[in-house]
Amino acid sequence: MASDSFEGWESAEEVLAFAVAAGQNVSRTQLVRWHKRGPIPRPRTRYQPGRRGLETLYPPGTSALVAEVSALHARTKLLDSLAWRVWWTGHDQDMAAVRSYAEKACREFDETLERIRGLVRGNSKDGTGIRAVRNHLSNSSDLPPPVGSIRRHLDWGGGRDFERFVSLLVGTIVGETKSLDSGDCRLIERAFHFDEARRTPLSGSQDWWEQEDGSGFVWMAKFLSRSLTDRLKEIPDDRFLEARDEAQAFFKAIVTFGEVMNWAFKRQWGLGFGFAGRAVQRLVDDPKRQVAIVVLFHAFRNDPELSENLHILRDSMRDWSTESYQDWKRLRFLAEEVPELDSVVSPLRMREAFRTQQGWERLNKAIAAFRAQHAEEIDCVISAHPELFRRGEAFAGSPNDAWPQESRGT
């Protein structure tokens, strides 16, 4: 290989030095083990004119990747798990290592579901199995935060709705959920705090509420009727990658929208969207759940009806997370720097802006008036943070032209 083909490649010494500068202590032995097992690309060697021995060179970008791999390695010592974590962050990996971890995660997931099914079906005649699962979740004091919050929310005031909710979940897991009545649908809404959203309908959301029939639970019951291990075997590598990217974009949009709703409505769970955002953050933080999510999204993509809806939702979510969310981040930052803005973006005004076009126009008018009144103070904040209020990105339509990147009249 000609020497000029190594332009931009990084020596082993440079890779290790970069890791140290990034606060990661990586040994040469680790470097060799990682490039042999997949988390980082294999190096090449070249002769060094006038010097003895060969020089080891890694492809461009390896230094930053090694620092990231080292940070992930602190959370797991298993190399197949490490390969999955690196692949999940968007880096190319040896798909054999990625699939090895995915297969193990799917087997564990299937075994867990089988244990639950066995518990329920083993006592199906008198129903003691499903009651045992339900009672454990209803009475346990050691539950994951999202489940604990659901239980407190449903049983507030002495009710026992959490037991009904668990029964729906268990029915879905064992594949017995064939349909849901309106009471079941309302219960699921309340479990995830979306009852607030129904009472405060947003613009364009009414049709969705009227169409919601719990079909998602029915579809999930059908999905879980087949093992994840079998489903994984049917997914080609390129489709597996597409499902990962689609799932990540979708969940990123949910998290960012949840942040905005929490801030805009000044309520703990942001009409349910904030609760969903926090639950998603916990969900996608675990590698084994990430595997199940990718397999699930591949199934979404293969379902003709769901695939069409998913593409529409994905496109709108992508626009939201890349454009509108940035506008709201700037507005939130300005509210922190100019506290008087809080009275302008009050929960009442925000609620009306999300509900109707007239409310949105009134919000824009109020913000424009505030902008004119506090022009000097706002201009000072904007000029001090050009990385946030960069030209061409200043509130493109949200809220309209109320926050230009430069002073009006300049």
Foldseek 3Di string as FASTA:
>chain_A
DDPVVCPQWAFPVRLQVLLVVLVFHDDPVNVVVCCVLKQFPAWDWDDDPPDDDITTTGHHPRSVSVNVLRVVCVVPVDNLLSQCVSVLVPDDIDVVSVVVVLLVLLVVVLVVLVVLLCQQVVPVVVRVSLVVQLVCLQPDPDDPVLSVQLNCQQCPPNDDLSSVVSSLVSCLSNLNPQFDQPVNQVSVCSSLLLVLCVVLPFAPCPVVVVPDGPVVSNVSSVVNVDGLSVLSVPADPVLLSVLSVLLVLLLLLLLLVQVLLCVLQVDPRSSSSVSSNVVSVVQCVDSSSSSVSSSVSSVLCVPVVSVVVSVVSSVVSNCCNPAVSLQSVVVVVVCVQVVVCCVLSDNVLSSQLRHDVVSLVVSLVSLLVVCVVCVVSLLVVLVVCCVSQPAPRHCVVPVHPSTHSHGPPD
